[in-house]
Each structure stands twice: as structure tokens, then as C-alpha cells.
């Protein structure tokens, strides 16, 4: 009996330290998990970014607008490769580029860092538009409509983007009359254009609208598609 009784304290002496070690281990494990959670929460992205066409920049030094909403605008730092960037206000950034290489934007607010890759595209060719109902589908225009034209515009079809174009377009109008005589007229960016060459339109004339250009940025132009119109009665 004395031997058995003597063995119990020895067994307890081994178990109690083991239990203490388990408690310490659980405490350390809990602290590690808590620390990981805190780090994860601290890395939560505190800014949002967007544009109408994501991950695309248009060439020719066009003003591509990019928007970043941040909890701490004053701490926001934005950099980009193969392009220039200018901050307009707390949320709006203007990116311009002529490089065809892809760009990488880095956004940082002091806690988080986000990198965004951009591809480069040319904008579609603009198309000439008149205030004349008779030419849109058939490429023919009534003489009465042609003689009334004193304004035109250049439109980019199937293109939805917040670009800031400079006003004004230029083009050359070529008239080939029924006797095959050729006359030309240059049209500048003046809003008060007078198309005298169109006001002389007669049935059988062919008009070629050539060298159409839109100024999309300072001294940066996009060429439009030539347009051929036949004058009918």
C-alpha cells in the first residue's frame, strides 16, 4: 500500500506541468491567430478606383480620366509607367500617353499598395456628320439639302468614354461636277463656316470630304474616314 500511495504524488507531479504547458501553448496560439487577424484587417484596401473603360488608355495624349476614392486623399500616392499623370482634385486623375507599351499604375495610401496594368489603344476614326437627313444611309444627298449645309460635326461611333476633345475639325472638300471639272475648298476650325462649294451643288455632282481631322489634344489629331456623296435631285 505504501508503494502505491507513494506513486500517486509522482504521477501528479508529471501531469500538472504538462497541463500548464498546454495552457501556455493555447494562449500563444490564440495570440498568434489574433495577430494574424489584426494584420489582415489592417491591410484591408481603403481606396476604390474606376474609369469608364477599365485597364485601357487611349493614345495621342488624350486625357484619360481615372477616379480613385480614398479614405485619406492627402496620403494617396499614384504613379504610372510609360505615361504622365496629373491630379485634378481629390478623386480625379488625368493620364496622357503616346507610348504603345503597356503601363503599370501603382496606388498607395500609406497602408496598402495596388498595381494596375493598362493596355494602349487608338480611338476609332471619327465620321463626318451633317444636318441633312437624306445622306445617312444611301451616301446620296438631295441638292436642296446640300445647299443648306453650313455646319458639320465629327462623331466617334460605338465609343463610350470620358475624353476631353479640343473643339474644332478641319477637312478638304473636293467637288467633281458633271463635266468632270474639279474644285476644292479647305475648311478650318472656325465655327462660322460657310461652305460656298456646297452652296453651288448641282444634280450629278460628286463631293469628296477628305483629310478630316479632329484635334483631340493640343497639336494631336485623329484622322477621319473619307466620305463620298453623290448629289441627286
Protein backbone atom coordinates (compact mmCIF):
# COMPACT_ATOMS: atom_id res chain seq x y z
CA UNK A 1 0.00 0.00 0.00
CA UNK A 2 2.73 2.35 0.84
CA UNK A 3 4.35 1.77 -2.57
CA UNK A 4 1.10 2.54 -4.42
CA UNK A 5 0.48 5.55 -2.24
CA UNK A 6 3.98 6.75 -2.82
CA UNK A 7 3.48 6.54 -6.64
CA UNK A 8 0.47 8.90 -6.84
CA UNK A 9 2.33 12.10 -6.00
CA UNK A 10 4.91 11.20 -8.60
CA UNK A 11 2.23 10.77 -11.30
CA UNK A 12 0.54 14.07 -10.38
CA UNK A 13 3.89 15.80 -10.42
CA UNK A 14 4.25 14.80 -14.08
CA UNK A 15 0.66 15.68 -15.14
CA UNK A 16 0.40 19.19 -13.66
CA UNK A 17 3.40 20.66 -15.56
CA UNK A 18 2.05 19.14 -18.77
CA UNK A 19 -1.32 20.85 -18.24
CA UNK A 20 0.41 24.15 -17.58
CA UNK A 21 2.37 23.78 -20.80
CA UNK A 22 -0.86 23.11 -22.71
CA UNK A 23 -2.40 26.28 -21.28
CA UNK A 24 0.64 28.30 -22.31
CA UNK A 25 0.56 26.74 -25.79
CA UNK A 26 -3.14 27.58 -26.21
CA UNK A 27 -2.52 31.14 -25.07
CA UNK A 28 0.34 31.57 -27.55
CA UNK A 29 -1.78 30.05 -30.34
CA UNK A 30 -4.66 32.41 -29.55
CA UNK A 31 -2.34 35.43 -29.60
CA UNK A 32 -0.87 34.35 -32.96
CA UNK A 33 -4.33 33.96 -34.50
CA UNK A 34 -5.37 37.34 -33.09
CA UNK A 35 -2.26 39.00 -34.51
CA UNK A 36 -2.89 37.48 -37.95
CA UNK A 37 -6.47 38.76 -37.87
CA UNK A 38 -5.33 42.24 -36.88
CA UNK A 39 -2.75 42.33 -39.68
CA UNK A 40 -5.31 41.12 -42.17
CA UNK A 41 -7.78 43.79 -41.08
CA UNK A 42 -5.11 46.49 -41.22
CA UNK A 43 -4.40 45.51 -44.83
CA UNK A 44 -7.98 45.99 -45.91
CA UNK A 45 -7.99 48.17 -49.05
CA UNK A 46 -9.06 51.68 -48.09
CA UNK A 47 -9.50 53.04 -51.62
CA UNK A 48 -11.58 52.28 -54.69
CA UNK A 49 -10.67 53.00 -58.30
CA UNK A 50 -12.63 53.05 -61.52
CA UNK A 51 -12.94 54.52 -65.01
CA UNK A 52 -15.48 54.10 -67.79
CA UNK A 53 -13.12 51.79 -69.67
CA UNK A 54 -11.10 49.78 -67.20
CA UNK A 55 -7.48 48.87 -67.87
CA UNK A 56 -7.41 50.83 -71.14
CA UNK A 57 -5.54 54.03 -72.00
CA UNK A 58 -6.10 55.83 -75.29
CA UNK A 59 -3.13 57.21 -77.19
CA UNK A 60 -2.38 60.58 -78.83
CA UNK A 61 -2.08 62.40 -75.49
CA UNK A 62 -5.83 62.16 -74.95
CA UNK A 63 -6.97 62.99 -71.43
CA UNK A 64 -7.89 59.62 -69.94
CA UNK A 65 -9.70 60.29 -66.68
CA UNK A 66 -9.21 57.84 -63.82
CA UNK A 67 -11.00 58.08 -60.47
CA UNK A 68 -9.74 56.98 -57.05
CA UNK A 69 -11.86 57.27 -53.93
CA UNK A 70 -9.82 57.11 -50.75
CA UNK A 71 -10.47 57.49 -47.02
CA UNK A 72 -7.27 59.53 -46.80
CA UNK A 73 -6.92 61.55 -50.05
CA UNK A 74 -3.98 63.54 -48.68
CA UNK A 75 -1.96 60.33 -48.21
CA UNK A 76 -2.79 58.94 -51.64
CA UNK A 77 0.20 58.46 -53.93
CA UNK A 78 -0.27 57.47 -57.56
CA UNK A 79 2.50 56.70 -60.07
CA UNK A 80 2.42 55.25 -63.59
CA UNK A 81 4.96 53.98 -66.09
CA UNK A 82 5.04 54.85 -69.81
CA UNK A 83 2.61 57.73 -69.28
CA UNK A 84 2.16 61.03 -67.49
CA UNK A 85 -0.36 61.58 -64.70
CA UNK A 86 -1.83 64.76 -63.24
CA UNK A 87 -4.12 65.12 -60.25
CA UNK A 88 -7.15 67.35 -60.86
CA UNK A 89 -8.80 67.00 -57.44
CA UNK A 90 -9.13 64.54 -54.54
CA UNK A 91 -10.57 61.79 -56.74
CA UNK A 92 -9.77 62.61 -60.39
CA UNK A 93 -6.52 61.87 -62.18
CA UNK A 94 -5.71 62.62 -65.83
CA UNK A 95 -3.42 60.23 -67.69
CA UNK A 96 -1.82 61.01 -71.05
CA UNK A 97 0.36 58.74 -73.12
CA UNK A 98 1.94 58.33 -76.53
CA UNK A 99 3.77 55.13 -75.72
CA UNK A 100 2.31 51.90 -77.10
CA UNK A 101 3.94 49.86 -74.31
CA UNK A 102 1.63 48.79 -71.51
CA UNK A 103 1.56 50.96 -68.40
CA UNK A 104 1.58 49.97 -64.73
CA UNK A 105 -0.13 52.23 -62.20
CA UNK A 106 0.84 51.99 -58.54
CA UNK A 107 -1.64 53.30 -55.96
CA UNK A 108 -0.62 53.66 -52.32
CA UNK A 109 -2.28 55.26 -49.31
CA UNK A 110 0.47 54.57 -46.78
CA UNK A 111 -1.02 51.23 -45.72
CA UNK A 112 -1.99 49.46 -48.91
CA UNK A 113 -0.47 49.17 -52.36
CA UNK A 114 -2.33 48.24 -55.55
CA UNK A 115 -0.86 47.78 -59.03
CA UNK A 116 -2.98 48.06 -62.20
CA UNK A 117 -1.90 47.15 -65.73
CA UNK A 118 -3.16 49.16 -68.71
CA UNK A 119 -3.13 48.36 -72.42
CA UNK A 120 -2.99 51.11 -75.05
CA UNK A 121 -5.48 51.66 -77.87
CA UNK A 122 -6.09 54.19 -80.61
CA UNK A 123 -9.51 55.77 -80.61
CA UNK A 124 -11.75 54.82 -83.58
CA UNK A 125 -11.73 57.01 -86.66
CA UNK A 126 -14.29 59.82 -86.46
CA UNK A 127 -17.09 60.06 -89.02
CA UNK A 128 -18.43 63.22 -90.60
CA UNK A 129 -21.99 64.24 -89.78
CA UNK A 130 -24.25 66.87 -91.37
CA UNK A 131 -27.67 68.22 -90.60
CA UNK A 132 -29.13 66.59 -93.68
CA UNK A 133 -31.49 63.66 -93.46
CA UNK A 134 -31.07 62.36 -96.98
CA UNK A 135 -27.46 61.17 -96.93
CA UNK A 136 -27.02 58.97 -93.86
CA UNK A 137 -27.95 55.60 -95.29
CA UNK A 138 -27.53 55.90 -99.04
CA UNK A 139 -24.50 58.22 -99.39
CA UNK A 140 -26.64 60.27 -101.71
CA UNK A 141 -27.82 63.75 -100.86
CA UNK A 142 -30.55 65.91 -102.31
CA UNK A 143 -29.37 69.11 -103.96
CA UNK A 144 -31.66 71.17 -101.73
CA UNK A 145 -30.11 69.62 -98.61
CA UNK A 146 -26.55 70.12 -99.81
CA UNK A 147 -27.11 73.83 -100.46
CA UNK A 148 -28.40 74.36 -96.92
CA UNK A 149 -25.41 72.85 -95.12
CA UNK A 150 -23.43 75.36 -93.09
CA UNK A 151 -22.28 73.16 -90.22
CA UNK A 152 -20.80 69.74 -89.71
CA UNK A 153 -19.53 67.67 -86.83
CA UNK A 154 -17.22 64.71 -86.41
CA UNK A 155 -18.59 61.80 -84.40
CA UNK A 156 -16.90 58.73 -82.99
CA UNK A 157 -19.35 55.85 -83.27
CA UNK A 158 -19.63 52.94 -80.79
CA UNK A 159 -17.34 54.69 -78.39
CA UNK A 160 -18.29 55.43 -74.80
CA UNK A 161 -15.55 57.15 -72.88
CA UNK A 162 -14.96 60.37 -70.97
CA UNK A 163 -12.44 62.04 -73.25
CA UNK A 164 -11.88 65.78 -73.38
CA UNK A 165 -11.56 66.74 -77.05
CA UNK A 166 -10.45 70.15 -78.15
CA UNK A 167 -13.13 71.80 -80.24
CA UNK A 168 -12.78 72.05 -83.96
CA UNK A 169 -12.27 69.93 -87.03
CA UNK A 170 -10.63 70.55 -90.37
CA UNK A 171 -11.14 68.98 -93.76
CA UNK A 172 -10.90 69.44 -97.51
CA UNK A 173 -13.96 69.31 -99.77
CA UNK A 174 -13.45 68.20 -103.37
CA UNK A 175 -16.21 68.83 -105.90
CA UNK A 176 -16.34 66.96 -109.22
CA UNK A 177 -19.15 68.32 -111.36
CA UNK A 178 -20.96 66.54 -114.17
CA UNK A 179 -18.42 67.90 -116.68
CA UNK A 180 -15.57 66.39 -114.62
CA UNK A 181 -14.29 69.79 -113.50
CA UNK A 182 -12.60 69.65 -110.09
CA UNK A 183 -12.70 72.36 -107.45
CA UNK A 184 -11.57 72.23 -103.82
CA UNK A 185 -12.22 74.12 -100.62
CA UNK A 186 -10.38 73.96 -97.30
CA UNK A 187 -12.47 74.17 -94.13
CA UNK A 188 -10.75 75.35 -90.94
CA UNK A 189 -11.80 75.20 -87.31
CA UNK A 190 -13.80 78.44 -87.46
CA UNK A 191 -17.29 77.80 -86.14
CA UNK A 192 -18.86 80.26 -88.58
CA UNK A 193 -18.03 78.15 -91.64
CA UNK A 194 -19.57 78.99 -94.98
CA UNK A 195 -19.49 76.11 -97.42
CA UNK A 196 -19.67 78.04 -100.67
CA UNK A 197 -18.61 74.92 -102.56
CA UNK A 198 -21.69 73.10 -101.27
CA UNK A 199 -23.99 76.01 -102.00
CA UNK A 200 -23.08 75.57 -105.67
CA UNK A 201 -24.11 71.91 -105.67
CA UNK A 202 -25.95 70.64 -108.75
CA UNK A 203 -27.52 67.33 -109.64
CA UNK A 204 -24.83 64.90 -110.80
CA UNK A 205 -22.03 66.46 -108.75
CA UNK A 206 -19.80 64.25 -106.61
CA UNK A 207 -18.38 65.57 -103.35
CA UNK A 208 -15.41 64.01 -101.58
CA UNK A 209 -14.83 65.03 -97.98
CA UNK A 210 -11.15 64.39 -97.48
CA UNK A 211 -8.39 64.85 -94.89
CA UNK A 212 -10.84 65.06 -91.98
CA UNK A 213 -9.04 65.78 -88.71
CA UNK A 214 -10.16 66.24 -85.12
CA UNK A 215 -7.85 67.87 -82.60
CA UNK A 216 -8.06 65.54 -79.59
CA UNK A 217 -5.28 67.21 -77.64
CA UNK A 218 -3.03 70.18 -78.24
CA UNK A 219 -1.37 69.59 -81.62
CA UNK A 220 -2.60 65.98 -81.59
CA UNK A 221 -5.04 64.98 -84.33
CA UNK A 222 -7.12 61.94 -85.24
CA UNK A 223 -7.88 61.33 -88.90
CA UNK A 224 -11.44 60.70 -90.00
CA UNK A 225 -12.79 58.48 -92.75
CA UNK A 226 -13.17 59.98 -96.21
CA UNK A 227 -16.77 60.43 -97.27
CA UNK A 228 -18.10 60.43 -100.87
CA UNK A 229 -21.57 61.85 -101.62
CA UNK A 230 -23.46 61.99 -104.90
CA UNK A 231 -25.89 64.86 -105.42
CA UNK A 232 -29.36 63.88 -106.60
CA UNK A 233 -32.49 65.84 -107.43
